[in-house]
Amino acid sequence: MKGGRPPQRALSPSTNMVMIIVDIDQDLSRVSRTALKLGLAFLDTMLFQKLISWNLVFILLA
């Protein structure tokens, strides 16, 4: 009784683990993408505020 069933049973949890890891990787990449988007938006607003303040300074000087 050297049947191939025990290795198959051992394989199924590992394939499930691989699937879970892939899912986690996809979630992490989604999170990092949203974080990058938020960071870029924040930088854009910061630059925009600086540009507005510089424009106000130039208007006051002129």
PDB file of N, CA and C in Angstrom:
ATOM      1  N   MET A   1       0.840  -1.203   0.000  1.00  0.00           N
ATOM      2  CA  MET A   1       0.000   0.000   0.000  1.00  0.00           C
ATOM      3  C   MET A   1       0.877   1.256   0.000  1.00  0.00           C
ATOM      4  N   LYS A   2       1.615   1.414  -1.092  1.00  0.00           N
ATOM      5  CA  LYS A   2       2.442   2.616  -1.239  1.00  0.00           C
ATOM      6  C   LYS A   2       1.681   3.707  -2.010  1.00  0.00           C
ATOM      7  N   GLY A   3       0.339   3.690  -1.910  1.00  0.00           N
ATOM      8  CA  GLY A   3      -0.523   4.552  -2.730  1.00  0.00           C
ATOM      9  C   GLY A   3      -0.071   6.004  -2.793  1.00  0.00           C
ATOM     10  N   GLY A   4      -0.419   6.667  -3.896  1.00  0.00           N
ATOM     11  CA  GLY A   4      -0.023   8.057  -4.100  1.00  0.00           C
ATOM     12  C   GLY A   4      -0.946   9.053  -3.418  1.00  0.00           C
ATOM     13  N   ARG A   5      -1.832   8.571  -2.550  1.00  0.00           N
ATOM     14  CA  ARG A   5      -2.776   9.514  -1.933  1.00  0.00           C
ATOM     15  C   ARG A   5      -2.139  10.411  -0.874  1.00  0.00           C
ATOM     16  N   PRO A   6      -1.264   9.904  -0.008  1.00  0.00           N
ATOM     17  CA  PRO A   6      -0.658  10.829   0.971  1.00  0.00           C
ATOM     18  C   PRO A   6       0.094  12.002   0.328  1.00  0.00           C
ATOM     19  N   PRO A   7       0.900  11.776  -0.740  1.00  0.00           N
ATOM     20  CA  PRO A   7       1.544  12.942  -1.361  1.00  0.00           C
ATOM     21  C   PRO A   7       0.533  13.929  -1.933  1.00  0.00           C
ATOM     22  N   GLN A   8      -0.576  13.423  -2.489  1.00  0.00           N
ATOM     23  CA  GLN A   8      -1.604  14.323  -3.011  1.00  0.00           C
ATOM     24  C   GLN A   8      -2.199  15.154  -1.876  1.00  0.00           C
ATOM     25  N   ARG A   9      -2.425  14.517  -0.753  1.00  0.00           N
ATOM     26  CA  ARG A   9      -2.943  15.259   0.404  1.00  0.00           C
ATOM     27  C   ARG A   9      -1.934  16.308   0.852  1.00  0.00           C
ATOM     28  N   ALA A  10      -0.659  15.955   0.785  1.00  0.00           N
ATOM     29  CA  ALA A  10       0.382  16.909   1.174  1.00  0.00           C
ATOM     30  C   ALA A  10       0.459  18.047   0.160  1.00  0.00           C
ATOM     31  N   LEU A  11       0.196  17.723  -1.110  1.00  0.00           N
ATOM     32  CA  LEU A  11       0.273  18.746  -2.156  1.00  0.00           C
ATOM     33  C   LEU A  11      -0.858  19.756  -2.044  1.00  0.00           C
ATOM     34  N   SER A  12      -2.070  19.290  -1.728  1.00  0.00           N
ATOM     35  CA  SER A  12      -3.205  20.216  -1.762  1.00  0.00           C
ATOM     36  C   SER A  12      -3.058  21.377  -0.769  1.00  0.00           C
ATOM     37  N   PRO A  13      -2.614  21.166   0.473  1.00  0.00           N
ATOM     38  CA  PRO A  13      -2.411  22.328   1.352  1.00  0.00           C
ATOM     39  C   PRO A  13      -1.342  23.285   0.821  1.00  0.00           C
ATOM     40  N   SER A  14      -0.275  22.728   0.225  1.00  0.00           N
ATOM     41  CA  SER A  14       0.787  23.607  -0.277  1.00  0.00           C
ATOM     42  C   SER A  14       0.281  24.445  -1.444  1.00  0.00           C
ATOM     43  N   THR A  15      -0.540  23.846  -2.320  1.00  0.00           N
ATOM     44  CA  THR A  15      -1.102  24.634  -3.422  1.00  0.00           C
ATOM     45  C   THR A  15      -2.032  25.699  -2.868  1.00  0.00           C
ATOM     46  N   ASN A  16      -2.787  25.357  -1.815  1.00  0.00           N
ATOM     47  CA  ASN A  16      -3.644  26.360  -1.174  1.00  0.00           C
ATOM     48  C   ASN A  16      -2.795  27.494  -0.611  1.00  0.00           C
ATOM     49  N   MET A  17      -1.662  27.142   0.016  1.00  0.00           N
ATOM     50  CA  MET A  17      -0.765  28.160   0.563  1.00  0.00           C
ATOM     51  C   MET A  17      -0.251  29.064  -0.547  1.00  0.00           C
ATOM     52  N   VAL A  18       0.135  28.458  -1.674  1.00  0.00           N
ATOM     53  CA  VAL A  18       0.633  29.248  -2.803  1.00  0.00           C
ATOM     54  C   VAL A  18      -0.448  30.203  -3.281  1.00  0.00           C
ATOM     55  N   MET A  19      -1.673  29.706  -3.389  1.00  0.00           N
ATOM     56  CA  MET A  19      -2.778  30.562  -3.825  1.00  0.00           C
ATOM     57  C   MET A  19      -2.977  31.713  -2.854  1.00  0.00           C
ATOM     58  N   ILE A  20      -2.911  31.414  -1.543  1.00  0.00           N
ATOM     59  CA  ILE A  20      -3.081  32.452  -0.521  1.00  0.00           C
ATOM     60  C   ILE A  20      -1.968  33.490  -0.646  1.00  0.00           C
ATOM     61  N   ILE A  21      -0.724  33.014  -0.843  1.00  0.00           N
ATOM     62  CA  ILE A  21       0.413  33.929  -0.971  1.00  0.00           C
ATOM     63  C   ILE A  21       0.230  34.822  -2.191  1.00  0.00           C
ATOM     64  N   VAL A  22      -0.217  34.229  -3.300  1.00  0.00           N
ATOM     65  CA  VAL A  22      -0.458  35.019  -4.517  1.00  0.00           C
ATOM     66  C   VAL A  22      -1.530  36.069  -4.243  1.00  0.00           C
ATOM     67  N   ASP A  23      -2.603  35.677  -3.549  1.00  0.00           N
ATOM     68  CA  ASP A  23      -3.665  36.634  -3.208  1.00  0.00           C
ATOM     69  C   ASP A  23      -3.102  37.769  -2.366  1.00  0.00           C
ATOM     70  N   ILE A  24      -2.282  37.431  -1.369  1.00  0.00           N
ATOM     71  CA  ILE A  24      -1.683  38.446  -0.498  1.00  0.00           C
ATOM     72  C   ILE A  24      -0.806  39.384  -1.324  1.00  0.00           C
ATOM     73  N   ASP A  25      -0.010  38.809  -2.242  1.00  0.00           N
ATOM     74  CA  ASP A  25       0.846  39.634  -3.098  1.00  0.00           C
ATOM     75  C   ASP A  25       0.012  40.605  -3.916  1.00  0.00           C
ATOM     76  N   GLN A  26      -1.086  40.121  -4.482  1.00  0.00           N
ATOM     77  CA  GLN A  26      -1.948  40.997  -5.284  1.00  0.00           C
ATOM     78  C   GLN A  26      -2.530  42.102  -4.414  1.00  0.00           C
ATOM     79  N   ASP A  27      -2.963  41.760  -3.198  1.00  0.00           N
ATOM     80  CA  ASP A  27      -3.513  42.771  -2.288  1.00  0.00           C
ATOM     81  C   ASP A  27      -2.444  43.802  -1.942  1.00  0.00           C
ATOM     82  N   LEU A  28      -1.221  43.339  -1.663  1.00  0.00           N
ATOM     83  CA  LEU A  28      -0.135  44.256  -1.320  1.00  0.00           C
ATOM     84  C   LEU A  28       0.173  45.185  -2.478  1.00  0.00           C
ATOM     85  N   SER A  29       0.188  44.639  -3.696  1.00  0.00           N
ATOM     86  CA  SER A  29       0.474  45.490  -4.855  1.00  0.00           C
ATOM     87  C   SER A  29      -0.630  46.522  -5.018  1.00  0.00           C
ATOM     88  N   ARG A  30      -1.886  46.111  -4.761  1.00  0.00           N
ATOM     89  CA  ARG A  30      -2.995  47.070  -4.842  1.00  0.00           C
ATOM     90  C   ARG A  30      -2.814  48.155  -3.794  1.00  0.00           C
ATOM     91  N   VAL A  31      -2.479  47.759  -2.576  1.00  0.00           N
ATOM     92  CA  VAL A  31      -2.290  48.720  -1.480  1.00  0.00           C
ATOM     93  C   VAL A  31      -1.153  49.677  -1.809  1.00  0.00           C
ATOM     94  N   SER A  32      -0.035  49.130  -2.317  1.00  0.00           N
ATOM     95  CA  SER A  32       1.104  49.990  -2.631  1.00  0.00           C
ATOM     96  C   SER A  32       0.752  50.952  -3.752  1.00  0.00           C
ATOM     97  N   ARG A  33      -0.035  50.481  -4.733  1.00  0.00           N
ATOM     98  CA  ARG A  33      -0.445  51.371  -5.825  1.00  0.00           C
ATOM     99  C   ARG A  33      -1.301  52.506  -5.287  1.00  0.00           C
ATOM    100  N   THR A  34      -2.264  52.185  -4.409  1.00  0.00           N
ATOM    101  CA  THR A  34      -3.117  53.244  -3.855  1.00  0.00           C
ATOM    102  C   THR A  34      -2.285  54.191  -3.000  1.00  0.00           C
ATOM    103  N   ALA A  35      -1.316  53.645  -2.253  1.00  0.00           N
ATOM    104  CA  ALA A  35      -0.445  54.490  -1.437  1.00  0.00           C
ATOM    105  C   ALA A  35       0.368  55.423  -2.325  1.00  0.00           C
ATOM    106  N   LEU A  36       0.890  54.899  -3.442  1.00  0.00           N
ATOM    107  CA  LEU A  36       1.629  55.734  -4.387  1.00  0.00           C
ATOM    108  C   LEU A  36       0.734  56.832  -4.938  1.00  0.00           C
ATOM    109  N   LYS A  37      -0.489  56.472  -5.311  1.00  0.00           N
ATOM    110  CA  LYS A  37      -1.422  57.469  -5.845  1.00  0.00           C
ATOM    111  C   LYS A  37      -1.690  58.544  -4.804  1.00  0.00           C
ATOM    112  N   LEU A  38      -1.934  58.130  -3.554  1.00  0.00           N
ATOM    113  CA  LEU A  38      -2.188  59.098  -2.488  1.00  0.00           C
ATOM    114  C   LEU A  38      -0.970  59.991  -2.267  1.00  0.00           C
ATOM    115  N   GLY A  39       0.219  59.380  -2.270  1.00  0.00           N
ATOM    116  CA  GLY A  39       1.447  60.151  -2.083  1.00  0.00           C
ATOM    117  C   GLY A  39       1.644  61.163  -3.193  1.00  0.00           C
ATOM    118  N   LEU A  40       1.398  60.746  -4.428  1.00  0.00           N
ATOM    119  CA  LEU A  40       1.532  61.659  -5.569  1.00  0.00           C
ATOM    120  C   LEU A  40       0.517  62.786  -5.469  1.00  0.00           C
ATOM    121  N   ALA A  41      -0.708  62.459  -5.091  1.00  0.00           N
ATOM    122  CA  ALA A  41      -1.744  63.485  -4.941  1.00  0.00           C
ATOM    123  C   ALA A  41      -1.335  64.475  -3.857  1.00  0.00           C
ATOM    124  N   PHE A  42      -0.796  63.958  -2.740  1.00  0.00           N
ATOM    125  CA  PHE A  42      -0.349  64.819  -1.643  1.00  0.00           C
ATOM    126  C   PHE A  42       0.772  65.740  -2.115  1.00  0.00           C
ATOM    127  N   LEU A  43       1.749  65.175  -2.847  1.00  0.00           N
ATOM    128  CA  LEU A  43       2.845  65.984  -3.383  1.00  0.00           C
ATOM    129  C   LEU A  43       2.313  67.047  -4.331  1.00  0.00           C
ATOM    130  N   ASP A  44       1.366  66.665  -5.179  1.00  0.00           N
ATOM    131  CA  ASP A  44       0.776  67.626  -6.117  1.00  0.00           C
ATOM    132  C   ASP A  44       0.137  68.781  -5.361  1.00  0.00           C
ATOM    133  N   THR A  45      -0.633  68.478  -4.311  1.00  0.00           N
ATOM    134  CA  THR A  45      -1.285  69.551  -3.552  1.00  0.00           C
ATOM    135  C   THR A  45      -0.236  70.424  -2.869  1.00  0.00           C
ATOM    136  N   MET A  46       0.834  69.802  -2.329  1.00  0.00           N
ATOM    137  CA  MET A  46       1.895  70.582  -1.686  1.00  0.00           C
ATOM    138  C   MET A  46       2.538  71.530  -2.688  1.00  0.00           C
ATOM    139  N   LEU A  47       2.886  71.009  -3.877  1.00  0.00           N
ATOM    140  CA  LEU A  47       3.501  71.845  -4.910  1.00  0.00           C
ATOM    141  C   LEU A  47       2.544  72.946  -5.336  1.00  0.00           C
ATOM    142  N   PHE A  48       1.280  72.599  -5.473  1.00  0.00           N
ATOM    143  CA  PHE A  48       0.264  73.575  -5.881  1.00  0.00           C
ATOM    144  C   PHE A  48       0.169  74.701  -4.851  1.00  0.00           C
ATOM    145  N   GLN A  49       0.155  74.333  -3.551  1.00  0.00           N
ATOM    146  CA  GLN A  49       0.090  75.338  -2.487  1.00  0.00           C
ATOM    147  C   GLN A  49       1.326  76.232  -2.517  1.00  0.00           C
ATOM    148  N   LYS A  50       2.503  75.630  -2.754  1.00  0.00           N
ATOM    149  CA  LYS A  50       3.731  76.425  -2.822  1.00  0.00           C
ATOM    150  C   LYS A  50       3.675  77.387  -3.999  1.00  0.00           C
ATOM    151  N   LEU A  51       3.189  76.897  -5.145  1.00  0.00           N
ATOM    152  CA  LEU A  51       3.067  77.765  -6.322  1.00  0.00           C
ATOM    153  C   LEU A  51       2.120  78.924  -6.034  1.00  0.00           C
ATOM    154  N   ILE A  52       0.998  78.633  -5.377  1.00  0.00           N
ATOM    155  CA  ILE A  52       0.030  79.689  -5.051  1.00  0.00           C
ATOM    156  C   ILE A  52       0.687  80.712  -4.126  1.00  0.00           C
ATOM    157  N   SER A  53       1.404  80.238  -3.101  1.00  0.00           N
ATOM    158  CA  SER A  53       2.034  81.164  -2.155  1.00  0.00           C
ATOM    159  C   SER A  53       3.079  82.027  -2.868  1.00  0.00           C
ATOM    160  N   TRP A  54       3.879  81.418  -3.772  1.00  0.00           N
ATOM    161  CA  TRP A  54       4.870  82.190  -4.528  1.00  0.00           C
ATOM    162  C   TRP A  54       4.191  83.212  -5.416  1.00  0.00           C
ATOM    163  N   ASN A  55       3.085  82.828  -6.054  1.00  0.00           N
ATOM    164  CA  ASN A  55       2.343  83.768  -6.899  1.00  0.00           C
ATOM    165  C   ASN A  55       1.821  84.933  -6.068  1.00  0.00           C
ATOM    166  N   LEU A  56       1.318  84.643  -4.873  1.00  0.00           N
ATOM    167  CA  LEU A  56       0.836  85.708  -3.991  1.00  0.00           C
ATOM    168  C   LEU A  56       1.980  86.647  -3.622  1.00  0.00           C
ATOM    169  N   VAL A  57       3.155  86.081  -3.325  1.00  0.00           N
ATOM    170  CA  VAL A  57       4.326  86.897  -2.973  1.00  0.00           C
ATOM    171  C   VAL A  57       4.687  87.807  -4.135  1.00  0.00           C
ATOM    172  N   PHE A  58       4.714  87.260  -5.342  1.00  0.00           N
ATOM    173  CA  PHE A  58       5.062  88.063  -6.521  1.00  0.00           C
ATOM    174  C   PHE A  58       4.012  89.146  -6.769  1.00  0.00           C
ATOM    175  N   ILE A  59       2.738  88.811  -6.546  1.00  0.00           N
ATOM    176  CA  ILE A  59       1.667  89.801  -6.734  1.00  0.00           C
ATOM    177  C   ILE A  59       1.846  90.935  -5.719  1.00  0.00           C
ATOM    178  N   LEU A  60       2.163  90.563  -4.468  1.00  0.00           N
ATOM    179  CA  LEU A  60       2.357  91.579  -3.427  1.00  0.00           C
ATOM    180  C   LEU A  60       3.575  92.447  -3.743  1.00  0.00           C
ATOM    181  N   LEU A  61       4.653  91.833  -4.242  1.00  0.00           N
ATOM    182  CA  LEU A  61       5.866  92.587  -4.591  1.00  0.00           C
ATOM    183  C   LEU A  61       5.606  93.507  -5.781  1.00  0.00           C
ATOM    184  N   ALA A  62       4.832  93.054  -6.731  1.00  0.00           N
ATOM    185  CA  ALA A  62       4.571  93.846  -7.950  1.00  0.00           C
ATOM    186  C   ALA A  62       3.462  94.858  -7.681  1.00  0.00           C
TER     187      ALA A  62
END
